[in-house]
């Protein structure tokens, strides 16, 4: 392929400014960083936090946080794919309550982890 010549788009695709595509990829990477942080945080909680008479609770919260990391990774991949498809086909981006749900779950996890820190 000649330098500076973009690859041919599929017949039903519209040209997309590369800045929007790169912004979508940066957003995807932010979702992945958040997922990785949750997974690492859940593992750290399980390995390093010991609360007398509440070991089961700590493990349950750690598993919940790791599972939340997996969900965030899946949601981020889905949102990246859906946004990319919409941009390439020239369709509007769909509204979604995902950010409200994820934000609420993070707040709940923060309260639970704070409770463990106060108890220990």
PDB file of N, CA and C in Angstrom:
ATOM      1  N   UNK A   1       0.852  -1.161   0.000  1.00  0.00           N
ATOM      2  CA  UNK A   1       0.000   0.000   0.000  1.00  0.00           C
ATOM      3  C   UNK A   1       0.903   1.232   0.000  1.00  0.00           C
ATOM      4  N   UNK A   2       0.538   2.219  -0.764  1.00  0.00           N
ATOM      5  CA  UNK A   2       1.331   3.443  -0.845  1.00  0.00           C
ATOM      6  C   UNK A   2       1.211   4.234   0.451  1.00  0.00           C
ATOM      7  N   UNK A   3       2.298   4.910   0.794  1.00  0.00           N
ATOM      8  CA  UNK A   3       2.299   5.690   2.027  1.00  0.00           C
ATOM      9  C   UNK A   3       1.315   6.848   1.890  1.00  0.00           C
ATOM     10  N   UNK A   4       0.526   7.085   2.957  1.00  0.00           N
ATOM     11  CA  UNK A   4      -0.414   8.193   2.964  1.00  0.00           C
ATOM     12  C   UNK A   4      -1.754   7.871   2.332  1.00  0.00           C
ATOM     13  N   UNK A   5      -1.904   6.674   1.783  1.00  0.00           N
ATOM     14  CA  UNK A   5      -3.169   6.289   1.172  1.00  0.00           C
ATOM     15  C   UNK A   5      -3.928   5.415   2.158  1.00  0.00           C
ATOM     16  N   UNK A   6      -5.107   5.866   2.599  1.00  0.00           N
ATOM     17  CA  UNK A   6      -5.853   5.056   3.571  1.00  0.00           C
ATOM     18  C   UNK A   6      -6.366   3.778   2.940  1.00  0.00           C
ATOM     19  N   UNK A   7      -6.514   2.719   3.739  1.00  0.00           N
ATOM     20  CA  UNK A   7      -7.066   1.485   3.194  1.00  0.00           C
ATOM     21  C   UNK A   7      -8.507   1.703   2.759  1.00  0.00           C
ATOM     22  N   UNK A   8      -8.922   0.934   1.771  1.00  0.00           N
ATOM     23  CA  UNK A   8     -10.290   1.068   1.272  1.00  0.00           C
ATOM     24  C   UNK A   8     -11.277   0.653   2.355  1.00  0.00           C
ATOM     25  N   UNK A   9     -12.299   1.457   2.534  1.00  0.00           N
ATOM     26  CA  UNK A   9     -13.338   1.152   3.519  1.00  0.00           C
ATOM     27  C   UNK A   9     -14.333   0.177   2.906  1.00  0.00           C
ATOM     28  N   UNK A  10     -15.031  -0.515   3.786  1.00  0.00           N
ATOM     29  CA  UNK A  10     -16.090  -1.393   3.319  1.00  0.00           C
ATOM     30  C   UNK A  10     -17.153  -0.539   2.617  1.00  0.00           C
ATOM     31  N   UNK A  11     -17.932  -1.136   1.705  1.00  0.00           N
ATOM     32  CA  UNK A  11     -18.896  -0.345   0.930  1.00  0.00           C
ATOM     33  C   UNK A  11     -19.905   0.427   1.783  1.00  0.00           C
ATOM     34  N   UNK A  12     -20.273  -0.098   2.937  1.00  0.00           N
ATOM     35  CA  UNK A  12     -21.289   0.576   3.760  1.00  0.00           C
ATOM     36  C   UNK A  12     -20.670   1.479   4.833  1.00  0.00           C
ATOM     37  N   UNK A  13     -19.354   1.688   4.795  1.00  0.00           N
ATOM     38  CA  UNK A  13     -18.694   2.516   5.798  1.00  0.00           C
ATOM     39  C   UNK A  13     -18.488   3.928   5.272  1.00  0.00           C
ATOM     40  N   UNK A  14     -18.533   4.882   6.202  1.00  0.00           N
ATOM     41  CA  UNK A  14     -18.254   6.276   5.857  1.00  0.00           C
ATOM     42  C   UNK A  14     -16.862   6.618   6.386  1.00  0.00           C
ATOM     43  N   UNK A  15     -16.188   7.573   5.768  1.00  0.00           N
ATOM     44  CA  UNK A  15     -14.872   7.951   6.285  1.00  0.00           C
ATOM     45  C   UNK A  15     -15.003   8.561   7.678  1.00  0.00           C
ATOM     46  N   UNK A  16     -14.089   8.198   8.560  1.00  0.00           N
ATOM     47  CA  UNK A  16     -14.104   8.689   9.934  1.00  0.00           C
ATOM     48  C   UNK A  16     -12.786   9.401  10.195  1.00  0.00           C
ATOM     49  N   UNK A  17     -12.878  10.562  10.796  1.00  0.00           N
ATOM     50  CA  UNK A  17     -11.681  11.301  11.185  1.00  0.00           C
ATOM     51  C   UNK A  17     -10.884  10.438  12.160  1.00  0.00           C
ATOM     52  N   UNK A  18      -9.605  10.236  11.878  1.00  0.00           N
ATOM     53  CA  UNK A  18      -8.791   9.351  12.706  1.00  0.00           C
ATOM     54  C   UNK A  18      -8.729   9.810  14.155  1.00  0.00           C
ATOM     55  N   UNK A  19      -8.913  11.116  14.392  1.00  0.00           N
ATOM     56  CA  UNK A  19      -8.880  11.605  15.783  1.00  0.00           C
ATOM     57  C   UNK A  19     -10.011  11.000  16.608  1.00  0.00           C
ATOM     58  N   UNK A  20     -11.171  10.791  15.987  1.00  0.00           N
ATOM     59  CA  UNK A  20     -12.285  10.174  16.706  1.00  0.00           C
ATOM     60  C   UNK A  20     -12.011   8.695  16.970  1.00  0.00           C
ATOM     61  N   UNK A  21     -11.403   8.035  15.998  1.00  0.00           N
ATOM     62  CA  UNK A  21     -11.053   6.630  16.191  1.00  0.00           C
ATOM     63  C   UNK A  21     -10.026   6.483  17.317  1.00  0.00           C
ATOM     64  N   UNK A  22      -9.024   7.373  17.336  1.00  0.00           N
ATOM     65  CA  UNK A  22      -8.017   7.311  18.391  1.00  0.00           C
ATOM     66  C   UNK A  22      -8.605   7.674  19.751  1.00  0.00           C
ATOM     67  N   UNK A  23      -9.540   8.612  19.783  1.00  0.00           N
ATOM     68  CA  UNK A  23     -10.205   8.953  21.051  1.00  0.00           C
ATOM     69  C   UNK A  23     -10.995   7.757  21.566  1.00  0.00           C
ATOM     70  N   UNK A  24     -11.643   7.038  20.652  1.00  0.00           N
ATOM     71  CA  UNK A  24     -12.385   5.846  21.052  1.00  0.00           C
ATOM     72  C   UNK A  24     -11.432   4.787  21.614  1.00  0.00           C
ATOM     73  N   UNK A  25     -10.251   4.653  21.003  1.00  0.00           N
ATOM     74  CA  UNK A  25      -9.270   3.691  21.509  1.00  0.00           C
ATOM     75  C   UNK A  25      -8.733   4.105  22.874  1.00  0.00           C
ATOM     76  N   UNK A  26      -8.527   5.419  23.084  1.00  0.00           N
ATOM     77  CA  UNK A  26      -8.076   5.885  24.396  1.00  0.00           C
ATOM     78  C   UNK A  26      -9.127   5.607  25.466  1.00  0.00           C
ATOM     79  N   UNK A  27     -10.386   5.779  25.104  1.00  0.00           N
ATOM     80  CA  UNK A  27     -11.460   5.472  26.048  1.00  0.00           C
ATOM     81  C   UNK A  27     -11.474   3.987  26.363  1.00  0.00           C
ATOM     82  N   UNK A  28     -11.287   3.168  25.340  1.00  0.00           N
ATOM     83  CA  UNK A  28     -11.204   1.720  25.550  1.00  0.00           C
ATOM     84  C   UNK A  28     -10.074   1.384  26.522  1.00  0.00           C
ATOM     85  N   UNK A  29      -8.910   2.004  26.312  1.00  0.00           N
ATOM     86  CA  UNK A  29      -7.774   1.741  27.201  1.00  0.00           C
ATOM     87  C   UNK A  29      -8.063   2.203  28.631  1.00  0.00           C
ATOM     88  N   UNK A  30      -8.829   3.264  28.789  1.00  0.00           N
ATOM     89  CA  UNK A  30      -9.216   3.706  30.137  1.00  0.00           C
ATOM     90  C   UNK A  30     -10.101   2.653  30.808  1.00  0.00           C
ATOM     91  N   UNK A  31     -11.005   2.064  30.054  1.00  0.00           N
ATOM     92  CA  UNK A  31     -11.827   0.976  30.595  1.00  0.00           C
ATOM     93  C   UNK A  31     -10.935  -0.194  31.022  1.00  0.00           C
ATOM     94  N   UNK A  32      -9.943  -0.512  30.193  1.00  0.00           N
ATOM     95  CA  UNK A  32      -9.054  -1.634  30.508  1.00  0.00           C
ATOM     96  C   UNK A  32      -8.191  -1.327  31.738  1.00  0.00           C
ATOM     97  N   UNK A  33      -7.717  -0.093  31.873  1.00  0.00           N
ATOM     98  CA  UNK A  33      -6.949   0.282  33.069  1.00  0.00           C
ATOM     99  C   UNK A  33      -7.811   0.156  34.320  1.00  0.00           C
ATOM    100  N   UNK A  34      -9.050   0.575  34.214  1.00  0.00           N
ATOM    101  CA  UNK A  34      -9.964   0.463  35.354  1.00  0.00           C
ATOM    102  C   UNK A  34     -10.193  -1.001  35.704  1.00  0.00           C
ATOM    103  N   UNK A  35     -10.396  -1.826  34.696  1.00  0.00           N
ATOM    104  CA  UNK A  35     -10.597  -3.262  34.935  1.00  0.00           C
ATOM    105  C   UNK A  35      -9.368  -3.871  35.598  1.00  0.00           C
ATOM    106  N   UNK A  36      -8.197  -3.542  35.096  1.00  0.00           N
ATOM    107  CA  UNK A  36      -6.958  -4.066  35.673  1.00  0.00           C
ATOM    108  C   UNK A  36      -6.775  -3.599  37.112  1.00  0.00           C
ATOM    109  N   UNK A  37      -7.098  -2.341  37.382  1.00  0.00           N
ATOM    110  CA  UNK A  37      -6.988  -1.819  38.745  1.00  0.00           C
ATOM    111  C   UNK A  37      -7.945  -2.549  39.690  1.00  0.00           C
ATOM    112  N   UNK A  38      -9.146  -2.821  39.240  1.00  0.00           N
ATOM    113  CA  UNK A  38     -10.103  -3.558  40.074  1.00  0.00           C
ATOM    114  C   UNK A  38      -9.608  -4.971  40.353  1.00  0.00           C
ATOM    115  N   UNK A  39      -9.129  -5.631  39.330  1.00  0.00           N
ATOM    116  CA  UNK A  39      -8.635  -6.994  39.515  1.00  0.00           C
ATOM    117  C   UNK A  39      -7.454  -7.010  40.470  1.00  0.00           C
ATOM    118  N   UNK A  40      -6.509  -6.090  40.273  1.00  0.00           N
ATOM    119  CA  UNK A  40      -5.347  -6.020  41.168  1.00  0.00           C
ATOM    120  C   UNK A  40      -5.766  -5.646  42.584  1.00  0.00           C
ATOM    121  N   UNK A  41      -6.708  -4.737  42.711  1.00  0.00           N
ATOM    122  CA  UNK A  41      -7.191  -4.343  44.038  1.00  0.00           C
ATOM    123  C   UNK A  41      -7.883  -5.486  44.759  1.00  0.00           C
ATOM    124  N   UNK A  42      -8.689  -6.237  44.035  1.00  0.00           N
ATOM    125  CA  UNK A  42      -9.353  -7.391  44.647  1.00  0.00           C
ATOM    126  C   UNK A  42      -8.354  -8.441  45.093  1.00  0.00           C
ATOM    127  N   UNK A  43      -7.346  -8.682  44.268  1.00  0.00           N
ATOM    128  CA  UNK A  43      -6.309  -9.645  44.651  1.00  0.00           C
ATOM    129  C   UNK A  43      -5.520  -9.149  45.864  1.00  0.00           C
ATOM    130  N   UNK A  44      -5.190  -7.856  45.874  1.00  0.00           N
ATOM    131  CA  UNK A  44      -4.466  -7.295  47.016  1.00  0.00           C
ATOM    132  C   UNK A  44      -5.298  -7.384  48.288  1.00  0.00           C
ATOM    133  N   UNK A  45      -6.585  -7.108  48.173  1.00  0.00           N
ATOM    134  CA  UNK A  45      -7.467  -7.204  49.338  1.00  0.00           C
ATOM    135  C   UNK A  45      -7.457  -8.625  49.890  1.00  0.00           C
ATOM    136  N   UNK A  46      -7.554  -9.591  49.014  1.00  0.00           N
ATOM    137  CA  UNK A  46      -7.561 -10.987  49.448  1.00  0.00           C
ATOM    138  C   UNK A  46      -6.232 -11.403  50.073  1.00  0.00           C
ATOM    139  N   UNK A  47      -5.137 -10.939  49.520  1.00  0.00           N
ATOM    140  CA  UNK A  47      -3.825 -11.392  49.980  1.00  0.00           C
ATOM    141  C   UNK A  47      -3.316 -10.656  51.214  1.00  0.00           C
ATOM    142  N   UNK A  48      -3.677  -9.391  51.374  1.00  0.00           N
ATOM    143  CA  UNK A  48      -3.031  -8.586  52.400  1.00  0.00           C
ATOM    144  C   UNK A  48      -3.935  -8.090  53.523  1.00  0.00           C
ATOM    145  N   UNK A  49      -5.232  -8.225  53.403  1.00  0.00           N
ATOM    146  CA  UNK A  49      -6.128  -7.731  54.450  1.00  0.00           C
ATOM    147  C   UNK A  49      -6.616  -8.911  55.273  1.00  0.00           C
ATOM    148  N   UNK A  50      -6.369  -8.830  56.560  1.00  0.00           N
ATOM    149  CA  UNK A  50      -6.842  -9.859  57.484  1.00  0.00           C
ATOM    150  C   UNK A  50      -7.675  -9.194  58.555  1.00  0.00           C
ATOM    151  N   UNK A  51      -8.921  -9.611  58.674  1.00  0.00           N
ATOM    152  CA  UNK A  51      -9.826  -9.073  59.683  1.00  0.00           C
ATOM    153  C   UNK A  51     -10.290 -10.237  60.540  1.00  0.00           C
ATOM    154  N   UNK A  52     -10.027 -10.120  61.821  1.00  0.00           N
ATOM    155  CA  UNK A  52     -10.429 -11.173  62.741  1.00  0.00           C
ATOM    156  C   UNK A  52     -11.948 -11.304  62.727  1.00  0.00           C
ATOM    157  N   UNK A  53     -12.429 -12.520  62.655  1.00  0.00           N
ATOM    158  CA  UNK A  53     -13.862 -12.854  62.646  1.00  0.00           C
ATOM    159  C   UNK A  53     -14.584 -12.398  61.372  1.00  0.00           C
ATOM    160  N   UNK A  54     -13.861 -12.010  60.328  1.00  0.00           N
ATOM    161  CA  UNK A  54     -14.532 -11.579  59.098  1.00  0.00           C
ATOM    162  C   UNK A  54     -13.758 -11.998  57.857  1.00  0.00           C
ATOM    163  N   UNK A  55     -13.025 -13.088  57.928  1.00  0.00           N
ATOM    164  CA  UNK A  55     -12.247 -13.539  56.769  1.00  0.00           C
ATOM    165  C   UNK A  55     -13.154 -13.830  55.569  1.00  0.00           C
ATOM    166  N   UNK A  56     -14.280 -14.447  55.830  1.00  0.00           N
ATOM    167  CA  UNK A  56     -15.207 -14.772  54.736  1.00  0.00           C
ATOM    168  C   UNK A  56     -15.722 -13.524  54.046  1.00  0.00           C
ATOM    169  N   UNK A  57     -15.979 -12.482  54.824  1.00  0.00           N
ATOM    170  CA  UNK A  57     -16.455 -11.223  54.248  1.00  0.00           C
ATOM    171  C   UNK A  57     -15.388 -10.591  53.363  1.00  0.00           C
ATOM    172  N   UNK A  58     -14.149 -10.612  53.824  1.00  0.00           N
ATOM    173  CA  UNK A  58     -13.051 -10.045  53.040  1.00  0.00           C
ATOM    174  C   UNK A  58     -12.906 -10.803  51.726  1.00  0.00           C
ATOM    175  N   UNK A  59     -12.950 -12.107  51.776  1.00  0.00           N
ATOM    176  CA  UNK A  59     -12.833 -12.916  50.556  1.00  0.00           C
ATOM    177  C   UNK A  59     -14.011 -12.641  49.619  1.00  0.00           C
ATOM    178  N   UNK A  60     -15.208 -12.533  50.169  1.00  0.00           N
ATOM    179  CA  UNK A  60     -16.381 -12.266  49.336  1.00  0.00           C
ATOM    180  C   UNK A  60     -16.270 -10.909  48.648  1.00  0.00           C
ATOM    181  N   UNK A  61     -15.813  -9.906  49.368  1.00  0.00           N
ATOM    182  CA  UNK A  61     -15.655  -8.584  48.766  1.00  0.00           C
ATOM    183  C   UNK A  61     -14.544  -8.610  47.722  1.00  0.00           C
ATOM    184  N   UNK A  62     -13.458  -9.309  48.006  1.00  0.00           N
ATOM    185  CA  UNK A  62     -12.358  -9.405  47.041  1.00  0.00           C
ATOM    186  C   UNK A  62     -12.833 -10.078  45.755  1.00  0.00           C
ATOM    187  N   UNK A  63     -13.584 -11.145  45.881  1.00  0.00           N
ATOM    188  CA  UNK A  63     -14.111 -11.837  44.701  1.00  0.00           C
ATOM    189  C   UNK A  63     -15.058 -10.922  43.931  1.00  0.00           C
ATOM    190  N   UNK A  64     -15.874 -10.168  44.648  1.00  0.00           N
ATOM    191  CA  UNK A  64     -16.796  -9.233  44.001  1.00  0.00           C
ATOM    192  C   UNK A  64     -16.032  -8.169  43.223  1.00  0.00           C
ATOM    193  N   UNK A  65     -14.948  -7.662  43.805  1.00  0.00           N
ATOM    194  CA  UNK A  65     -14.158  -6.627  43.134  1.00  0.00           C
ATOM    195  C   UNK A  65     -13.467  -7.192  41.889  1.00  0.00           C
ATOM    196  N   UNK A  66     -12.930  -8.399  41.992  1.00  0.00           N
ATOM    197  CA  UNK A  66     -12.300  -9.025  40.820  1.00  0.00           C
ATOM    198  C   UNK A  66     -13.350  -9.277  39.737  1.00  0.00           C
ATOM    199  N   UNK A  67     -14.516  -9.747  40.128  1.00  0.00           N
ATOM    200  CA  UNK A  67     -15.593  -9.975  39.155  1.00  0.00           C
ATOM    201  C   UNK A  67     -16.022  -8.654  38.515  1.00  0.00           C
ATOM    202  N   UNK A  68     -16.051  -7.587  39.299  1.00  0.00           N
ATOM    203  CA  UNK A  68     -16.384  -6.274  38.741  1.00  0.00           C
ATOM    204  C   UNK A  68     -15.341  -5.862  37.708  1.00  0.00           C
ATOM    205  N   UNK A  69     -14.083  -6.184  37.963  1.00  0.00           N
ATOM    206  CA  UNK A  69     -13.035  -5.897  36.979  1.00  0.00           C
ATOM    207  C   UNK A  69     -13.274  -6.635  35.675  1.00  0.00           C
ATOM    208  N   UNK A  70     -13.688  -7.882  35.783  1.00  0.00           N
ATOM    209  CA  UNK A  70     -13.986  -8.658  34.572  1.00  0.00           C
ATOM    210  C   UNK A  70     -15.170  -8.046  33.821  1.00  0.00           C
ATOM    211  N   UNK A  71     -16.189  -7.626  34.555  1.00  0.00           N
ATOM    212  CA  UNK A  71     -17.360  -7.013  33.929  1.00  0.00           C
ATOM    213  C   UNK A  71     -16.972  -5.703  33.244  1.00  0.00           C
ATOM    214  N   UNK A  72     -16.148  -4.892  33.910  1.00  0.00           N
ATOM    215  CA  UNK A  72     -15.706  -3.628  33.314  1.00  0.00           C
ATOM    216  C   UNK A  72     -14.928  -3.891  32.020  1.00  0.00           C
ATOM    217  N   UNK A  73     -14.092  -4.917  32.004  1.00  0.00           N
ATOM    218  CA  UNK A  73     -13.351  -5.248  30.781  1.00  0.00           C
ATOM    219  C   UNK A  73     -14.304  -5.636  29.654  1.00  0.00           C
ATOM    220  N   UNK A  74     -15.304  -6.407  29.965  1.00  0.00           N
ATOM    221  CA  UNK A  74     -16.273  -6.834  28.952  1.00  0.00           C
ATOM    222  C   UNK A  74     -17.093  -5.645  28.461  1.00  0.00           C
ATOM    223  N   UNK A  75     -17.568  -4.818  29.395  1.00  0.00           N
ATOM    224  CA  UNK A  75     -18.365  -3.646  29.026  1.00  0.00           C
ATOM    225  C   UNK A  75     -17.531  -2.685  28.184  1.00  0.00           C
ATOM    226  N   UNK A  76     -16.274  -2.469  28.569  1.00  0.00           N
ATOM    227  CA  UNK A  76     -15.414  -1.576  27.803  1.00  0.00           C
ATOM    228  C   UNK A  76     -15.190  -2.065  26.382  1.00  0.00           C
ATOM    229  N   UNK A  77     -14.999  -3.353  26.234  1.00  0.00           N
ATOM    230  CA  UNK A  77     -14.814  -3.919  24.897  1.00  0.00           C
ATOM    231  C   UNK A  77     -16.083  -3.769  24.067  1.00  0.00           C
ATOM    232  N   UNK A  78     -17.219  -4.031  24.687  1.00  0.00           N
ATOM    233  CA  UNK A  78     -18.497  -3.914  23.994  1.00  0.00           C
ATOM    234  C   UNK A  78     -18.746  -2.459  23.566  1.00  0.00           C
ATOM    235  N   UNK A  79     -18.500  -1.516  24.492  1.00  0.00           N
ATOM    236  CA  UNK A  79     -18.718  -0.098  24.167  1.00  0.00           C
ATOM    237  C   UNK A  79     -17.770   0.368  23.070  1.00  0.00           C
ATOM    238  N   UNK A  80     -16.511  -0.057  23.118  1.00  0.00           N
ATOM    239  CA  UNK A  80     -15.570   0.319  22.064  1.00  0.00           C
ATOM    240  C   UNK A  80     -16.066  -0.187  20.714  1.00  0.00           C
ATOM    241  N   UNK A  81     -16.467  -1.445  20.677  1.00  0.00           N
ATOM    242  CA  UNK A  81     -16.926  -2.055  19.432  1.00  0.00           C
ATOM    243  C   UNK A  81     -18.165  -1.346  18.897  1.00  0.00           C
ATOM    244  N   UNK A  82     -19.113  -1.075  19.771  1.00  0.00           N
ATOM    245  CA  UNK A  82     -20.357  -0.435  19.351  1.00  0.00           C
ATOM    246  C   UNK A  82     -20.110   0.994  18.854  1.00  0.00           C
ATOM    247  N   UNK A  83     -19.244   1.725  19.556  1.00  0.00           N
ATOM    248  CA  UNK A  83     -18.925   3.090  19.142  1.00  0.00           C
ATOM    249  C   UNK A  83     -18.179   3.092  17.816  1.00  0.00           C
ATOM    250  N   UNK A  84     -17.229   2.180  17.660  1.00  0.00           N
ATOM    251  CA  UNK A  84     -16.477   2.086  16.413  1.00  0.00           C
ATOM    252  C   UNK A  84     -17.412   1.786  15.247  1.00  0.00           C
ATOM    253  N   UNK A  85     -18.304   0.845  15.446  1.00  0.00           N
ATOM    254  CA  UNK A  85     -19.251   0.468  14.386  1.00  0.00           C
ATOM    255  C   UNK A  85     -20.141   1.659  14.021  1.00  0.00           C
ATOM    256  N   UNK A  86     -20.628   2.387  15.041  1.00  0.00           N
ATOM    257  CA  UNK A  86     -21.509   3.528  14.781  1.00  0.00           C
ATOM    258  C   UNK A  86     -20.770   4.614  14.002  1.00  0.00           C
ATOM    259  N   UNK A  87     -19.524   4.894  14.385  1.00  0.00           N
ATOM    260  CA  UNK A  87     -18.759   5.919  13.674  1.00  0.00           C
ATOM    261  C   UNK A  87     -18.507   5.510  12.229  1.00  0.00           C
ATOM    262  N   UNK A  88     -18.156   4.271  12.021  1.00  0.00           N
ATOM    263  CA  UNK A  88     -17.829   3.811  10.669  1.00  0.00           C
ATOM    264  C   UNK A  88     -19.053   3.734   9.758  1.00  0.00           C
ATOM    265  N   UNK A  89     -20.240   3.561  10.342  1.00  0.00           N
ATOM    266  CA  UNK A  89     -21.457   3.479   9.536  1.00  0.00           C
ATOM    267  C   UNK A  89     -22.248   4.777   9.535  1.00  0.00           C
ATOM    268  N   UNK A  90     -21.741   5.789  10.253  1.00  0.00           N
ATOM    269  CA  UNK A  90     -22.406   7.091  10.258  1.00  0.00           C
ATOM    270  C   UNK A  90     -23.723   7.116  10.996  1.00  0.00           C
ATOM    271  N   UNK A  91     -23.884   6.248  11.976  1.00  0.00           N
ATOM    272  CA  UNK A  91     -25.120   6.227  12.763  1.00  0.00           C
ATOM    273  C   UNK A  91     -24.883   6.890  14.118  1.00  0.00           C
ATOM    274  N   UNK A  92     -25.940   7.392  14.750  1.00  0.00           N
ATOM    275  CA  UNK A  92     -25.754   8.048  16.049  1.00  0.00           C
ATOM    276  C   UNK A  92     -25.345   7.039  17.128  1.00  0.00           C
ATOM    277  N   UNK A  93     -24.628   7.542  18.118  1.00  0.00           N
ATOM    278  CA  UNK A  93     -24.242   6.696  19.246  1.00  0.00           C
ATOM    279  C   UNK A  93     -25.446   6.506  20.152  1.00  0.00           C
ATOM    280  N   UNK A  94     -25.662   5.285  20.572  1.00  0.00           N
ATOM    281  CA  UNK A  94     -26.803   4.977  21.430  1.00  0.00           C
ATOM    282  C   UNK A  94     -26.529   5.443  22.854  1.00  0.00           C
ATOM    283  N   UNK A  95     -27.557   5.902  23.522  1.00  0.00           N
ATOM    284  CA  UNK A  95     -27.431   6.241  24.932  1.00  0.00           C
ATOM    285  C   UNK A  95     -27.475   4.954  25.743  1.00  0.00           C
ATOM    286  N   UNK A  96     -26.783   4.987  26.878  1.00  0.00           N
ATOM    287  CA  UNK A  96     -26.736   3.796  27.711  1.00  0.00           C
ATOM    288  C   UNK A  96     -26.599   4.192  29.176  1.00  0.00           C
ATOM    289  N   UNK A  97     -27.213   3.426  30.077  1.00  0.00           N
ATOM    290  CA  UNK A  97     -27.087   3.717  31.509  1.00  0.00           C
ATOM    291  C   UNK A  97     -25.860   3.057  32.135  1.00  0.00           C
ATOM    292  N   UNK A  98     -24.965   2.532  31.319  1.00  0.00           N
ATOM    293  CA  UNK A  98     -23.822   1.775  31.827  1.00  0.00           C
ATOM    294  C   UNK A  98     -22.986   2.605  32.799  1.00  0.00           C
ATOM    295  N   UNK A  99     -22.731   3.859  32.472  1.00  0.00           N
ATOM    296  CA  UNK A  99     -21.882   4.675  33.331  1.00  0.00           C
ATOM    297  C   UNK A  99     -22.514   4.902  34.699  1.00  0.00           C
ATOM    298  N   UNK A 100     -23.813   5.076  34.739  1.00  0.00           N
ATOM    299  CA  UNK A 100     -24.502   5.244  36.029  1.00  0.00           C
ATOM    300  C   UNK A 100     -24.403   3.960  36.835  1.00  0.00           C
ATOM    301  N   UNK A 101     -24.614   2.829  36.197  1.00  0.00           N
ATOM    302  CA  UNK A 101     -24.542   1.541  36.888  1.00  0.00           C
ATOM    303  C   UNK A 101     -23.129   1.283  37.409  1.00  0.00           C
ATOM    304  N   UNK A 102     -22.121   1.496  36.558  1.00  0.00           N
ATOM    305  CA  UNK A 102     -20.733   1.259  36.971  1.00  0.00           C
ATOM    306  C   UNK A 102     -20.337   2.212  38.095  1.00  0.00           C
ATOM    307  N   UNK A 103     -20.715   3.473  37.985  1.00  0.00           N
ATOM    308  CA  UNK A 103     -20.411   4.437  39.040  1.00  0.00           C
ATOM    309  C   UNK A 103     -21.054   4.064  40.363  1.00  0.00           C
ATOM    310  N   UNK A 104     -22.284   3.600  40.313  1.00  0.00           N
ATOM    311  CA  UNK A 104     -22.977   3.176  41.525  1.00  0.00           C
ATOM    312  C   UNK A 104     -22.295   1.959  42.144  1.00  0.00           C
ATOM    313  N   UNK A 105     -21.896   1.006  41.313  1.00  0.00           N
ATOM    314  CA  UNK A 105     -21.199  -0.174  41.834  1.00  0.00           C
ATOM    315  C   UNK A 105     -19.868   0.198  42.468  1.00  0.00           C
ATOM    316  N   UNK A 106     -19.147   1.145  41.861  1.00  0.00           N
ATOM    317  CA  UNK A 106     -17.881   1.588  42.448  1.00  0.00           C
ATOM    318  C   UNK A 106     -18.117   2.236  43.804  1.00  0.00           C
ATOM    319  N   UNK A 107     -19.167   3.025  43.910  1.00  0.00           N
ATOM    320  CA  UNK A 107     -19.481   3.670  45.188  1.00  0.00           C
ATOM    321  C   UNK A 107     -19.807   2.629  46.254  1.00  0.00           C
ATOM    322  N   UNK A 108     -20.568   1.615  45.899  1.00  0.00           N
ATOM    323  CA  UNK A 108     -20.906   0.549  46.850  1.00  0.00           C
ATOM    324  C   UNK A 108     -19.644  -0.194  47.284  1.00  0.00           C
ATOM    325  N   UNK A 109     -18.773  -0.510  46.315  1.00  0.00           N
ATOM    326  CA  UNK A 109     -17.527  -1.204  46.668  1.00  0.00           C
ATOM    327  C   UNK A 109     -16.661  -0.344  47.579  1.00  0.00           C
ATOM    328  N   UNK A 110     -16.629   0.961  47.333  1.00  0.00           N
ATOM    329  CA  UNK A 110     -15.832   1.858  48.179  1.00  0.00           C
ATOM    330  C   UNK A 110     -16.358   1.860  49.611  1.00  0.00           C
ATOM    331  N   UNK A 111     -17.659   1.853  49.761  1.00  0.00           N
ATOM    332  CA  UNK A 111     -18.253   1.820  51.106  1.00  0.00           C
ATOM    333  C   UNK A 111     -17.914   0.499  51.794  1.00  0.00           C
ATOM    334  N   UNK A 112     -18.004  -0.610  51.069  1.00  0.00           N
ATOM    335  CA  UNK A 112     -17.689  -1.909  51.664  1.00  0.00           C
ATOM    336  C   UNK A 112     -16.234  -1.999  52.093  1.00  0.00           C
ATOM    337  N   UNK A 113     -15.334  -1.554  51.219  1.00  0.00           N
ATOM    338  CA  UNK A 113     -13.911  -1.614  51.546  1.00  0.00           C
ATOM    339  C   UNK A 113     -13.589  -0.669  52.703  1.00  0.00           C
ATOM    340  N   UNK A 114     -14.213   0.495  52.737  1.00  0.00           N
ATOM    341  CA  UNK A 114     -14.015   1.419  53.851  1.00  0.00           C
ATOM    342  C   UNK A 114     -14.494   0.787  55.150  1.00  0.00           C
ATOM    343  N   UNK A 115     -15.589   0.077  55.096  1.00  0.00           N
ATOM    344  CA  UNK A 115     -16.079  -0.628  56.288  1.00  0.00           C
ATOM    345  C   UNK A 115     -15.085  -1.650  56.784  1.00  0.00           C
ATOM    346  N   UNK A 116     -14.441  -2.349  55.870  1.00  0.00           N
ATOM    347  CA  UNK A 116     -13.431  -3.341  56.271  1.00  0.00           C
ATOM    348  C   UNK A 116     -12.240  -2.644  56.906  1.00  0.00           C
ATOM    349  N   UNK A 117     -11.821  -1.527  56.326  1.00  0.00           N
ATOM    350  CA  UNK A 117     -10.665  -0.808  56.872  1.00  0.00           C
ATOM    351  C   UNK A 117     -10.985  -0.307  58.285  1.00  0.00           C
ATOM    352  N   UNK A 118     -12.181   0.194  58.495  1.00  0.00           N
ATOM    353  CA  UNK A 118     -12.567   0.701  59.813  1.00  0.00           C
ATOM    354  C   UNK A 118     -12.626  -0.440  60.832  1.00  0.00           C
ATOM    355  N   UNK A 119     -13.128  -1.592  60.404  1.00  0.00           N
ATOM    356  CA  UNK A 119     -13.256  -2.738  61.312  1.00  0.00           C
ATOM    357  C   UNK A 119     -11.879  -3.293  61.691  1.00  0.00           C
ATOM    358  N   UNK A 120     -10.938  -3.273  60.757  1.00  0.00           N
ATOM    359  CA  UNK A 120      -9.640  -3.902  61.045  1.00  0.00           C
ATOM    360  C   UNK A 120      -8.714  -3.046  61.834  1.00  0.00           C
TER     361      UNK A 120
END
